[in-house]
Amino acid sequence: MVGTSLFAYGTLLSDDLVRRLTGRVFPRRPATLQDFERIECPGDYPYITPKPGGRVEGSLLDGLDAASLEKLDAYEGAGYLRTPVEVVASGVRVGCESYVGKR
């Protein structure tokens, strides 16, 4: 697939939000990120952080272009860093990126 794949686990699971931010909807499929955990913050957005043995369920969005990633970066803001990760989707390991919390 051409473009970048992005693992979403929070607000970017919403196609409506992604469409409002980028003007597009991307193909998505269920995926699991291993050795990370999702942290819930009351009054704030969730984030992920490395944790051996952890597991985060989400969706893999495929085919993101540079302009869409720039818009998503702006939405996520300074509290997140788009980071290379590897997920399992349909039983296959897939290299992608995800927004990891800087906390």
Protein backbone atom coordinates (compact mmCIF):
# COMPACT_ATOMS: atom_id res chain seq x y z
CA MET A 1 0.00 0.00 0.00
CA VAL A 2 1.33 3.44 -0.93
CA GLY A 3 1.65 5.97 1.87
CA THR A 4 2.19 5.64 5.60
CA SER A 5 0.24 3.37 7.93
CA LEU A 6 -0.81 4.81 11.29
CA PHE A 7 -1.90 2.89 14.39
CA ALA A 8 -4.83 4.68 16.05
CA TYR A 9 -5.99 3.87 19.59
CA GLY A 10 -7.91 6.94 20.76
CA THR A 11 -9.76 9.82 19.12
CA LEU A 12 -8.36 8.96 15.68
CA LEU A 13 -10.48 5.78 15.74
CA SER A 14 -13.29 8.07 14.55
CA ASP A 15 -13.58 8.24 10.75
CA ASP A 16 -15.62 11.44 11.18
CA LEU A 17 -12.80 13.14 13.08
CA VAL A 18 -10.14 11.96 10.63
CA ARG A 19 -12.28 13.25 7.74
CA ARG A 20 -12.75 16.64 9.44
CA LEU A 21 -9.00 16.93 10.02
CA THR A 22 -7.69 15.65 6.68
CA GLY A 23 -10.61 15.80 4.27
CA ARG A 24 -10.19 12.05 3.70
CA VAL A 25 -11.14 8.67 5.11
CA PHE A 26 -8.49 5.97 5.04
CA PRO A 27 -8.85 2.20 4.87
CA ARG A 28 -8.61 0.73 8.36
CA ARG A 29 -8.28 -2.69 9.91
CA PRO A 30 -8.07 -4.01 13.48
CA ALA A 31 -4.55 -4.13 14.90
CA THR A 32 -2.73 -4.84 18.15
CA LEU A 33 0.32 -3.00 19.46
CA GLN A 34 2.39 -5.15 21.80
CA ASP A 35 4.72 -4.00 24.59
CA PHE A 36 2.80 -0.73 25.06
CA GLU A 37 -0.02 0.29 27.39
CA ARG A 38 -2.82 2.81 26.94
CA ILE A 39 -3.03 5.37 29.74
CA GLU A 40 -6.36 7.06 30.47
CA CYS A 41 -6.14 10.56 31.92
CA PRO A 42 -9.33 11.99 33.45
CA GLY A 43 -10.12 15.23 31.62
CA ASP A 44 -7.47 14.57 28.98
CA TYR A 45 -6.90 12.37 25.95
CA PRO A 46 -5.48 8.84 26.25
CA TYR A 47 -1.90 8.14 25.30
CA ILE A 48 0.33 5.11 24.91
CA THR A 49 3.68 4.43 26.49
CA PRO A 50 6.08 1.48 26.27
CA LYS A 51 5.44 -1.34 28.74
CA PRO A 52 6.96 -4.82 28.37
CA GLY A 53 4.15 -7.35 28.07
CA GLY A 54 1.54 -4.64 27.47
CA ARG A 55 -1.03 -4.70 24.71
CA VAL A 56 -3.09 -1.95 23.04
CA GLU A 57 -6.01 -2.65 20.69
CA GLY A 58 -6.78 -0.21 17.91
CA SER A 59 -6.97 0.26 14.16
CA LEU A 60 -4.35 0.49 11.46
CA LEU A 61 -5.11 3.32 9.02
CA ASP A 62 -3.43 2.71 5.67
CA GLY A 63 -2.27 5.01 2.88
CA LEU A 64 -1.81 8.31 4.71
CA ASP A 65 -0.08 10.98 2.64
CA ALA A 66 2.35 13.60 3.98
CA ALA A 67 -0.25 16.41 3.97
CA SER A 68 -2.70 14.33 6.03
CA LEU A 69 0.03 13.37 8.50
CA GLU A 70 0.93 17.04 8.95
CA LYS A 71 -2.70 17.81 9.81
CA LEU A 72 -2.85 14.92 12.26
CA ASP A 73 0.45 16.02 13.83
CA ALA A 74 -1.03 19.49 14.39
CA TYR A 75 -4.16 17.95 15.94
CA GLU A 76 -2.18 15.70 18.28
CA GLY A 77 0.01 18.62 19.39
CA ALA A 78 3.12 18.81 21.51
CA GLY A 79 2.05 16.08 23.95
CA TYR A 80 2.56 13.33 21.38
CA LEU A 81 5.41 12.18 19.17
CA ARG A 82 4.67 10.26 15.96
CA THR A 83 6.92 7.23 16.41
CA PRO A 84 7.73 4.12 14.34
CA VAL A 85 6.13 1.01 15.87
CA GLU A 86 5.16 -2.46 14.73
CA VAL A 87 1.65 -3.88 15.10
CA VAL A 88 -0.03 -7.18 14.33
CA ALA A 89 -2.90 -6.92 11.83
CA SER A 90 -4.60 -10.01 10.40
CA GLY A 91 -1.85 -12.15 11.94
CA VAL A 92 0.93 -10.26 10.15
CA ARG A 93 3.50 -7.87 11.65
CA VAL A 94 3.24 -4.45 10.03
CA GLY A 95 5.60 -1.50 10.42
CA CYS A 96 3.74 1.75 10.95
CA GLU A 97 3.71 4.88 13.08
CA SER A 98 1.67 5.88 16.13
CA TYR A 99 1.34 8.85 18.44
CA VAL A 100 3.23 8.01 21.64
CA GLY A 101 2.70 10.20 24.70
CA LYS A 102 5.56 12.46 25.79
CA ARG A 103 4.46 12.36 29.43
